[in-house]
Protein backbone atom coordinates (compact mmCIF):
# COMPACT_ATOMS: atom_id res chain seq x y z
CA UNK A 1 -5.79 -12.98 -27.68
CA UNK A 2 -7.24 -9.95 -25.92
CA UNK A 3 -5.43 -6.63 -26.10
CA UNK A 4 -6.58 -5.76 -22.57
CA UNK A 5 -3.87 -5.68 -19.93
CA UNK A 6 -4.08 -7.64 -16.74
CA UNK A 7 -2.10 -7.18 -13.55
CA UNK A 8 0.67 -9.44 -14.82
CA UNK A 9 1.29 -7.10 -17.76
CA UNK A 10 2.41 -4.13 -15.67
CA UNK A 11 3.36 -5.47 -12.25
CA UNK A 12 7.03 -4.98 -11.54
CA UNK A 13 8.10 -6.76 -8.35
CA UNK A 14 11.15 -4.51 -8.11
CA UNK A 15 9.96 -1.10 -9.38
CA UNK A 16 12.97 0.83 -8.13
CA UNK A 17 15.47 -1.68 -9.56
CA UNK A 18 16.82 -2.40 -6.10
CA UNK A 19 19.66 -4.91 -6.43
CA UNK A 20 18.86 -8.10 -4.55
CA UNK A 21 20.97 -11.13 -3.80
CA UNK A 22 17.99 -13.13 -2.59
CA UNK A 23 14.84 -14.24 -4.32
CA UNK A 24 12.04 -11.73 -3.82
CA UNK A 25 9.55 -12.89 -1.20
CA UNK A 26 6.23 -11.52 -2.41
CA UNK A 27 4.45 -12.63 0.78
CA UNK A 28 6.78 -11.51 3.57
CA UNK A 29 8.78 -8.73 1.91
CA UNK A 30 7.17 -7.51 -1.31
CA UNK A 31 9.19 -4.80 -3.05
CA UNK A 32 6.28 -2.35 -3.08
CA UNK A 33 6.24 -2.37 0.75
CA UNK A 34 10.01 -2.22 1.19
CA UNK A 35 11.07 0.50 -1.23
CA UNK A 36 12.13 3.08 1.35
CA UNK A 37 14.20 3.10 4.49
CA UNK A 38 11.25 2.09 6.67
CA UNK A 39 9.13 -0.98 6.00
CA UNK A 40 5.51 0.06 5.45
CA UNK A 41 4.06 -2.33 8.04
CA UNK A 42 6.35 -0.95 10.74
CA UNK A 43 5.28 2.62 9.97
CA UNK A 44 1.61 1.64 9.92
CA UNK A 45 1.92 -0.12 13.28
CA UNK A 46 3.57 2.94 14.84
CA UNK A 47 0.98 5.41 13.53
CA UNK A 48 -2.02 3.20 14.35
CA UNK A 49 -1.01 2.98 18.01
CA UNK A 50 -2.42 6.49 18.38
CA UNK A 51 -5.86 5.59 16.97
CA UNK A 52 -8.51 3.78 19.00
CA UNK A 53 -10.48 0.68 18.02
CA UNK A 54 -12.17 0.90 14.63
CA UNK A 55 -10.16 3.93 13.54
CA UNK A 56 -6.81 2.11 13.46
CA UNK A 57 -7.50 -0.25 10.53
CA UNK A 58 -8.97 2.61 8.48
CA UNK A 59 -5.83 4.69 9.05
CA UNK A 60 -3.66 1.65 8.33
CA UNK A 61 -5.34 1.11 4.98
CA UNK A 62 -4.97 4.77 4.04
CA UNK A 63 -1.23 4.58 4.76
CA UNK A 64 -0.87 1.26 2.95
CA UNK A 65 -2.53 2.40 -0.25
CA UNK A 66 -0.80 5.80 -0.32
CA UNK A 67 2.63 4.30 0.29
CA UNK A 68 2.39 1.70 -2.46
CA UNK A 69 0.49 3.77 -5.04
CA UNK A 70 3.52 4.80 -7.12
CA UNK A 71 5.16 1.37 -6.90
CA UNK A 72 2.62 -1.16 -8.21
CA UNK A 73 1.49 0.34 -11.50
CA UNK A 74 -1.98 1.15 -10.19
CA UNK A 75 -1.39 4.62 -8.78
CA UNK A 76 -4.83 6.10 -9.39
CA UNK A 77 -6.63 2.95 -8.21
CA UNK A 78 -4.60 2.78 -4.98
CA UNK A 79 -5.10 6.50 -4.30
CA UNK A 80 -8.85 6.10 -4.77
CA UNK A 81 -8.80 3.18 -2.32
CA UNK A 82 -6.91 5.33 0.19
CA UNK A 83 -9.47 8.08 -0.33
CA UNK A 84 -12.32 5.61 0.28
CA UNK A 85 -10.82 4.58 3.64
CA UNK A 86 -10.09 8.17 4.60
CA UNK A 87 -13.66 9.21 3.76
CA UNK A 88 -14.96 6.34 5.89
CA UNK A 89 -12.75 7.45 8.79
CA UNK A 90 -13.91 11.07 8.50
CA UNK A 91 -17.56 10.00 8.33
CA UNK A 92 -17.16 7.85 11.45
CA UNK A 93 -15.76 10.83 13.35
CA UNK A 94 -18.58 13.12 12.23
CA UNK A 95 -21.27 10.88 13.75
């Protein structure tokens, strides 16, 4: 057996130990998107309304990766993904 970890080894579907009476729905309401008072998708939708066309999904991905970075066990990876999308957004505006 390999000593390397995979995503099942460190993924915690309820990283903040939020008490739940219902079974976690990892498709519609994953814990890493519902940890705060505002659901991530709702915040992303509100912010992206102010960005035109191709900018909106780039901003949405930045917000998504930053918001879940501390909750999924892949903080550095998610922050680098957010940085990649932010760099792409900045480069598109510099053209």
